[in-house]
N, C-alpha and C. Protein backbone atom coordinates (compact mmCIF):
# COMPACT_ATOMS: atom_id res chain seq x y z
N MET A 1 14.15 -6.83 79.17
CA MET A 1 13.97 -6.79 77.89
C MET A 1 13.52 -5.34 77.56
N GLY A 2 13.10 -4.67 78.57
CA GLY A 2 12.49 -3.08 78.55
C GLY A 2 13.45 -2.58 77.96
N ARG A 3 15.01 -2.73 79.03
CA ARG A 3 16.18 -1.69 79.02
C ARG A 3 16.63 -1.85 77.97
N VAL A 4 16.80 -3.26 77.58
CA VAL A 4 17.63 -3.75 76.33
C VAL A 4 17.51 -3.43 75.42
N GLN A 5 16.10 -3.85 75.21
CA GLN A 5 15.64 -3.70 73.66
C GLN A 5 14.64 -2.57 73.26
N LEU A 6 13.95 -1.54 74.24
CA LEU A 6 13.56 -0.22 73.96
C LEU A 6 13.69 0.77 74.99
N GLY A 7 15.07 0.84 75.24
CA GLY A 7 15.65 1.33 75.89
C GLY A 7 14.77 2.37 77.19
N LYS A 8 14.10 1.27 78.11
CA LYS A 8 13.17 2.40 78.85
C LYS A 8 13.61 1.25 80.43
N LYS A 9 13.66 1.90 81.42
CA LYS A 9 13.44 1.17 82.41
C LYS A 9 11.84 1.35 82.98
N PHE A 10 11.51 0.74 83.40
CA PHE A 10 10.16 0.21 83.69
C PHE A 10 10.05 0.58 85.64
N THR A 11 9.32 1.04 86.21
CA THR A 11 8.77 1.04 87.37
C THR A 11 8.91 -0.54 88.02
N PRO A 12 8.95 -0.28 88.89
CA PRO A 12 8.06 -1.76 90.26
C PRO A 12 6.45 -1.68 89.65
N GLU A 13 5.95 -0.96 89.66
CA GLU A 13 4.25 -1.07 89.49
C GLU A 13 4.40 -1.74 88.31
N GLU A 14 4.91 -0.67 87.03
CA GLU A 14 5.01 -1.17 85.27
C GLU A 14 5.53 -2.71 85.31
N ASN A 15 6.62 -3.24 86.34
CA ASN A 15 6.97 -4.59 85.82
C ASN A 15 5.53 -5.48 86.14
N ALA A 16 5.41 -5.29 87.80
CA ALA A 16 3.67 -5.53 87.91
C ALA A 16 2.81 -5.74 87.13
N LYS A 17 2.61 -4.85 86.48
CA LYS A 17 1.21 -5.08 85.39
C LYS A 17 1.92 -5.59 84.79
N ILE A 18 2.98 -5.73 84.35
CA ILE A 18 3.33 -6.37 82.68
C ILE A 18 3.65 -7.95 82.95
N VAL A 19 3.82 -8.48 84.77
CA VAL A 19 3.78 -9.75 85.32
C VAL A 19 2.34 -10.13 85.20
N ALA A 20 1.66 -9.36 86.04
CA ALA A 20 0.35 -9.79 85.91
C ALA A 20 -0.53 -9.97 84.64
N PHE A 21 -0.14 -9.24 83.17
CA PHE A 21 -0.89 -9.70 82.34
C PHE A 21 -0.16 -10.83 81.77
N LEU A 22 0.95 -11.29 81.53
CA LEU A 22 1.24 -12.35 81.46
C LEU A 22 1.30 -13.81 82.28
N LYS A 23 0.51 -13.42 83.09
CA LYS A 23 0.12 -14.95 84.02
C LYS A 23 -1.54 -14.83 83.54
N THR A 24 -1.43 -13.96 82.60
CA THR A 24 -3.34 -14.46 82.08
C THR A 24 -3.27 -14.98 80.99
N LEU A 25 -1.90 -15.44 80.55
CA LEU A 25 -1.83 -16.28 78.81
C LEU A 25 -1.90 -17.55 79.13
N THR A 26 -3.10 -17.96 78.76
CA THR A 26 -3.07 -19.66 78.99
C THR A 26 -3.24 -20.26 77.54
N GLY A 27 -3.03 -21.64 78.04
CA GLY A 27 -3.61 -22.26 76.28
C GLY A 27 -2.22 -23.28 75.87
N ASP A 28 -2.02 -23.75 75.80
CA ASP A 28 -1.06 -25.05 74.62
C ASP A 28 -0.28 -23.88 73.81
N GLN A 29 0.77 -23.93 73.55
CA GLN A 29 1.66 -23.23 72.79
C GLN A 29 1.17 -24.16 71.19
N PRO A 30 1.09 -23.36 70.03
CA PRO A 30 0.84 -23.76 69.11
C PRO A 30 2.01 -24.55 68.32
N SER A 31 1.70 -25.50 68.05
CA SER A 31 2.99 -26.37 67.15
C SER A 31 3.15 -26.33 65.68
N PHE A 32 4.18 -26.45 65.16
CA PHE A 32 4.30 -26.11 63.60
C PHE A 32 5.66 -27.19 63.40
N LYS A 33 5.37 -27.22 62.43
CA LYS A 33 6.76 -28.34 61.80
C LYS A 33 7.61 -26.85 60.93
N ILE A 34 8.73 -27.84 61.23
CA ILE A 34 10.13 -26.70 61.11
C ILE A 34 10.79 -27.55 59.56
N PRO A 35 10.72 -26.33 58.44
CA PRO A 35 10.87 -27.07 57.24
C PRO A 35 12.48 -27.97 56.95
N LEU A 36 12.57 -29.33 56.76
CA LEU A 36 13.81 -30.01 56.20
C LEU A 36 14.68 -28.95 55.25
N LEU A 37 15.85 -27.87 55.69
CA LEU A 37 16.21 -27.59 54.23
C LEU A 37 17.47 -28.50 53.59
N PRO A 38 17.40 -28.16 52.28
CA PRO A 38 18.58 -29.57 51.90
C PRO A 38 20.07 -28.64 52.53
N PRO A 39 21.05 -29.45 52.49
CA PRO A 39 22.53 -29.00 52.81
C PRO A 39 22.70 -28.00 51.87
N SER A 40 23.82 -26.92 52.44
CA SER A 40 24.42 -25.92 51.46
C SER A 40 25.95 -26.49 51.16
N ALA A 41 25.87 -26.04 49.89
CA ALA A 41 27.31 -26.28 49.57
C ALA A 41 28.09 -24.73 49.13
N ASP A 42 29.14 -25.19 48.98
CA ASP A 42 29.85 -23.98 48.17
C ASP A 42 29.58 -22.93 47.08
N ASN A 43 28.39 -23.69 46.30
CA ASN A 43 27.34 -22.66 45.23
C ASN A 43 26.08 -22.48 45.57
N THR A 44 25.92 -22.80 46.71
CA THR A 44 24.43 -22.38 47.55
C THR A 44 24.65 -20.73 47.82
N PRO A 45 23.76 -20.00 46.90
CA PRO A 45 23.28 -18.20 46.65
C PRO A 45 23.43 -18.22 48.34
N ARG A 46 24.12 -16.69 49.08
CA ARG A 46 23.60 -16.12 49.73
C ARG A 46 22.62 -15.64 50.28
N PRO A 47 22.06 -15.74 51.01
CA PRO A 47 20.62 -15.06 51.34
C PRO A 47 20.64 -13.35 50.90
N THR A 48 19.74 -12.49 50.41
CA THR A 48 20.24 -11.08 50.33
C THR A 48 19.27 -10.66 51.47
N PRO A 49 19.90 -9.37 52.09
CA PRO A 49 19.14 -8.65 52.74
C PRO A 49 17.38 -7.94 52.68
N PHE A 50 16.28 -7.64 53.32
CA PHE A 50 15.27 -7.58 52.80
C PHE A 50 15.23 -6.12 52.76
N ASP A 51 16.32 -5.19 53.42
CA ASP A 51 16.76 -3.90 53.62
C ASP A 51 17.33 -3.44 52.39
N LYS A 52 17.46 -4.27 51.10
CA LYS A 52 18.70 -3.73 50.12
C LYS A 52 17.82 -3.53 49.33
């Protein structure tokens, strides 16, 4: 992930620190309800990108 998304190669020591941190995370993943969207049709407007 670091190499692909950040363009950084981590050392084995850095990887160990990241793994140690991730192992401290506990608890249940929050649940959330995914909205049921109406079906799309030929006349459904196309989404506008945020950067435009």
